[in-house]
Amino acid sequence: MTTVSPRWFKSSYSENGGACLEVAANLAVSHGVVPVRDSKNPAGPVLSVPAGAFTGFVSGIKAGEFDTV
């Protein structure tokens, strides 16, 4: 059995004073999830989001579906 470790990254747009998330998109295909964590607390909890839901969320952001103004 092969174990794949998450490869964490955060957006290049994340220079906003520390309120950042990190994702490990490398697990989307092999495990069907995208782990998400707080970049300020890498040893803290991880939320495993189903890959399809994460894709829909990112698409919604790009389409402006969550804009409040």
N, C-alpha and C. Protein backbone atom coordinates (compact mmCIF):
# COMPACT_ATOMS: atom_id res chain seq x y z
N MET A 1 0.83 -1.18 0.00
CA MET A 1 0.00 0.00 0.00
C MET A 1 0.88 1.24 0.00
N THR A 2 0.54 2.20 -0.85
CA THR A 2 1.30 3.44 -0.95
C THR A 2 0.61 4.53 -0.13
N THR A 3 1.38 5.22 0.67
CA THR A 3 0.85 6.33 1.46
C THR A 3 1.28 7.62 0.80
N VAL A 4 0.31 8.46 0.50
CA VAL A 4 0.58 9.76 -0.10
C VAL A 4 0.43 10.82 0.97
N SER A 5 1.47 11.61 1.15
CA SER A 5 1.42 12.69 2.14
C SER A 5 0.87 13.95 1.50
N PRO A 6 0.13 14.74 2.26
CA PRO A 6 -0.37 16.00 1.71
C PRO A 6 0.78 16.96 1.40
N ARG A 7 0.68 17.61 0.25
CA ARG A 7 1.63 18.66 -0.12
C ARG A 7 0.88 19.98 0.04
N TRP A 8 1.11 20.64 1.16
CA TRP A 8 0.38 21.85 1.52
C TRP A 8 0.86 23.05 0.73
N PHE A 9 -0.09 23.89 0.32
CA PHE A 9 0.27 25.16 -0.29
C PHE A 9 -0.81 26.19 0.01
N LYS A 10 -0.41 27.46 -0.07
CA LYS A 10 -1.40 28.52 0.06
C LYS A 10 -1.26 29.44 -1.14
N SER A 11 -2.32 30.15 -1.42
CA SER A 11 -2.40 31.01 -2.59
C SER A 11 -1.34 32.11 -2.55
N SER A 12 -0.88 32.51 -3.71
CA SER A 12 0.03 33.64 -3.79
C SER A 12 -0.68 34.94 -3.42
N TYR A 13 -2.00 34.92 -3.35
CA TYR A 13 -2.79 36.09 -2.96
C TYR A 13 -2.97 36.18 -1.44
N SER A 14 -2.30 35.35 -0.70
CA SER A 14 -2.57 35.22 0.73
C SER A 14 -1.77 36.17 1.62
N GLU A 15 -1.24 37.20 1.09
CA GLU A 15 -0.48 38.17 1.90
C GLU A 15 -1.45 39.17 2.54
N ASN A 16 -2.41 38.68 3.33
CA ASN A 16 -3.45 39.52 3.89
C ASN A 16 -3.38 39.63 5.40
N GLY A 17 -2.24 39.50 5.96
CA GLY A 17 -2.12 39.64 7.40
C GLY A 17 -2.26 38.35 8.18
N GLY A 18 -2.21 37.22 7.54
CA GLY A 18 -2.18 35.96 8.25
C GLY A 18 -3.47 35.16 8.28
N ALA A 19 -4.54 35.68 7.71
CA ALA A 19 -5.81 34.94 7.71
C ALA A 19 -5.85 34.05 6.47
N CYS A 20 -5.03 33.02 6.47
CA CYS A 20 -4.85 32.19 5.27
C CYS A 20 -5.22 30.74 5.53
N LEU A 21 -5.59 30.09 4.46
CA LEU A 21 -5.83 28.66 4.46
C LEU A 21 -4.77 28.00 3.61
N GLU A 22 -4.47 26.77 3.92
CA GLU A 22 -3.61 25.94 3.08
C GLU A 22 -4.43 24.75 2.62
N VAL A 23 -4.17 24.30 1.40
CA VAL A 23 -4.85 23.13 0.87
C VAL A 23 -3.82 22.14 0.38
N ALA A 24 -4.21 20.88 0.31
CA ALA A 24 -3.36 19.82 -0.23
C ALA A 24 -4.11 19.17 -1.39
N ALA A 25 -4.10 19.84 -2.52
CA ALA A 25 -4.86 19.39 -3.69
C ALA A 25 -4.32 18.09 -4.28
N ASN A 26 -3.11 17.70 -3.90
CA ASN A 26 -2.54 16.47 -4.47
C ASN A 26 -3.31 15.22 -4.05
N LEU A 27 -4.19 15.32 -3.07
CA LEU A 27 -4.95 14.15 -2.63
C LEU A 27 -6.32 14.05 -3.30
N ALA A 28 -6.67 15.02 -4.14
CA ALA A 28 -8.00 15.04 -4.76
C ALA A 28 -8.24 13.80 -5.62
N VAL A 29 -7.31 13.45 -6.46
CA VAL A 29 -7.50 12.31 -7.37
C VAL A 29 -7.34 10.98 -6.64
N SER A 30 -6.29 10.84 -5.85
CA SER A 30 -6.01 9.55 -5.22
C SER A 30 -6.93 9.22 -4.05
N HIS A 31 -7.42 10.24 -3.34
CA HIS A 31 -8.23 9.99 -2.15
C HIS A 31 -9.63 10.61 -2.22
N GLY A 32 -9.87 11.44 -3.23
CA GLY A 32 -11.19 12.05 -3.40
C GLY A 32 -11.50 13.16 -2.41
N VAL A 33 -10.47 13.69 -1.75
CA VAL A 33 -10.65 14.78 -0.79
C VAL A 33 -9.59 15.86 -1.01
N VAL A 34 -9.93 17.06 -0.54
CA VAL A 34 -8.97 18.16 -0.51
C VAL A 34 -8.87 18.61 0.94
N PRO A 35 -7.79 18.25 1.62
CA PRO A 35 -7.62 18.69 3.00
C PRO A 35 -7.37 20.20 3.06
N VAL A 36 -7.95 20.84 4.08
CA VAL A 36 -7.81 22.29 4.27
C VAL A 36 -7.42 22.51 5.72
N ARG A 37 -6.48 23.45 5.95
CA ARG A 37 -6.07 23.77 7.32
C ARG A 37 -5.74 25.25 7.44
N ASP A 38 -5.66 25.72 8.66
CA ASP A 38 -5.28 27.09 8.97
C ASP A 38 -3.76 27.19 8.86
N SER A 39 -3.28 28.13 8.04
CA SER A 39 -1.83 28.23 7.85
C SER A 39 -1.10 28.68 9.10
N LYS A 40 -1.79 29.33 10.03
CA LYS A 40 -1.15 29.76 11.27
C LYS A 40 -1.02 28.62 12.28
N ASN A 41 -1.73 27.52 12.04
CA ASN A 41 -1.72 26.40 12.98
C ASN A 41 -1.58 25.08 12.20
N PRO A 42 -0.42 24.85 11.59
CA PRO A 42 -0.26 23.65 10.76
C PRO A 42 -0.39 22.34 11.52
N ALA A 43 -0.25 22.35 12.83
CA ALA A 43 -0.41 21.13 13.62
C ALA A 43 -1.86 20.96 14.10
N GLY A 44 -2.70 21.94 13.77
CA GLY A 44 -4.09 21.92 14.22
C GLY A 44 -4.97 21.02 13.37
N PRO A 45 -6.28 21.18 13.53
CA PRO A 45 -7.23 20.31 12.82
C PRO A 45 -7.21 20.52 11.31
N VAL A 46 -7.58 19.48 10.60
CA VAL A 46 -7.66 19.50 9.14
C VAL A 46 -9.09 19.14 8.75
N LEU A 47 -9.65 19.92 7.85
CA LEU A 47 -10.98 19.64 7.32
C LEU A 47 -10.80 18.95 5.97
N SER A 48 -11.32 17.76 5.81
CA SER A 48 -11.24 17.03 4.55
C SER A 48 -12.52 17.26 3.76
N VAL A 49 -12.41 18.04 2.69
CA VAL A 49 -13.56 18.42 1.86
C VAL A 49 -13.61 17.48 0.66
N PRO A 50 -14.78 16.92 0.34
CA PRO A 50 -14.87 16.10 -0.88
C PRO A 50 -14.39 16.90 -2.10
N ALA A 51 -13.64 16.25 -2.96
CA ALA A 51 -13.01 16.94 -4.10
C ALA A 51 -14.04 17.66 -4.96
N GLY A 52 -15.19 17.04 -5.22
CA GLY A 52 -16.21 17.69 -6.04
C GLY A 52 -16.77 18.94 -5.40
N ALA A 53 -16.96 18.90 -4.09
CA ALA A 53 -17.45 20.07 -3.36
C ALA A 53 -16.42 21.19 -3.38
N PHE A 54 -15.15 20.84 -3.24
CA PHE A 54 -14.10 21.86 -3.27
C PHE A 54 -14.02 22.50 -4.66
N THR A 55 -14.13 21.69 -5.70
CA THR A 55 -14.12 22.22 -7.07
C THR A 55 -15.29 23.17 -7.28
N GLY A 56 -16.48 22.79 -6.80
CA GLY A 56 -17.64 23.66 -6.90
C GLY A 56 -17.47 24.96 -6.15
N PHE A 57 -16.86 24.89 -4.98
CA PHE A 57 -16.60 26.09 -4.17
C PHE A 57 -15.66 27.04 -4.91
N VAL A 58 -14.56 26.52 -5.43
CA VAL A 58 -13.61 27.36 -6.16
C VAL A 58 -14.27 27.96 -7.41
N SER A 59 -15.05 27.17 -8.12
CA SER A 59 -15.76 27.69 -9.29
C SER A 59 -16.71 28.82 -8.90
N GLY A 60 -17.40 28.64 -7.77
CA GLY A 60 -18.30 29.68 -7.28
C GLY A 60 -17.59 30.96 -6.93
N ILE A 61 -16.41 30.83 -6.32
CA ILE A 61 -15.62 32.02 -6.01
C ILE A 61 -15.24 32.75 -7.29
N LYS A 62 -14.74 32.01 -8.27
CA LYS A 62 -14.33 32.62 -9.53
C LYS A 62 -15.49 33.28 -10.27
N ALA A 63 -16.69 32.73 -10.09
CA ALA A 63 -17.88 33.27 -10.77
C ALA A 63 -18.51 34.43 -9.99
N GLY A 64 -17.97 34.73 -8.81
CA GLY A 64 -18.49 35.83 -8.01
C GLY A 64 -19.75 35.48 -7.22
N GLU A 65 -20.05 34.21 -7.07
CA GLU A 65 -21.26 33.79 -6.37
C GLU A 65 -21.28 34.15 -4.89
N PHE A 66 -20.13 34.41 -4.31
CA PHE A 66 -20.06 34.71 -2.89
C PHE A 66 -19.74 36.17 -2.60
N ASP A 67 -19.74 37.01 -3.64
CA ASP A 67 -19.49 38.42 -3.45
C ASP A 67 -20.61 39.04 -2.61
N THR A 68 -20.25 39.88 -1.68
CA THR A 68 -21.26 40.49 -0.82
C THR A 68 -21.52 41.94 -1.18
N VAL A 69 -20.78 42.48 -2.07
CA VAL A 69 -20.97 43.89 -2.47
C VAL A 69 -21.52 43.99 -3.85
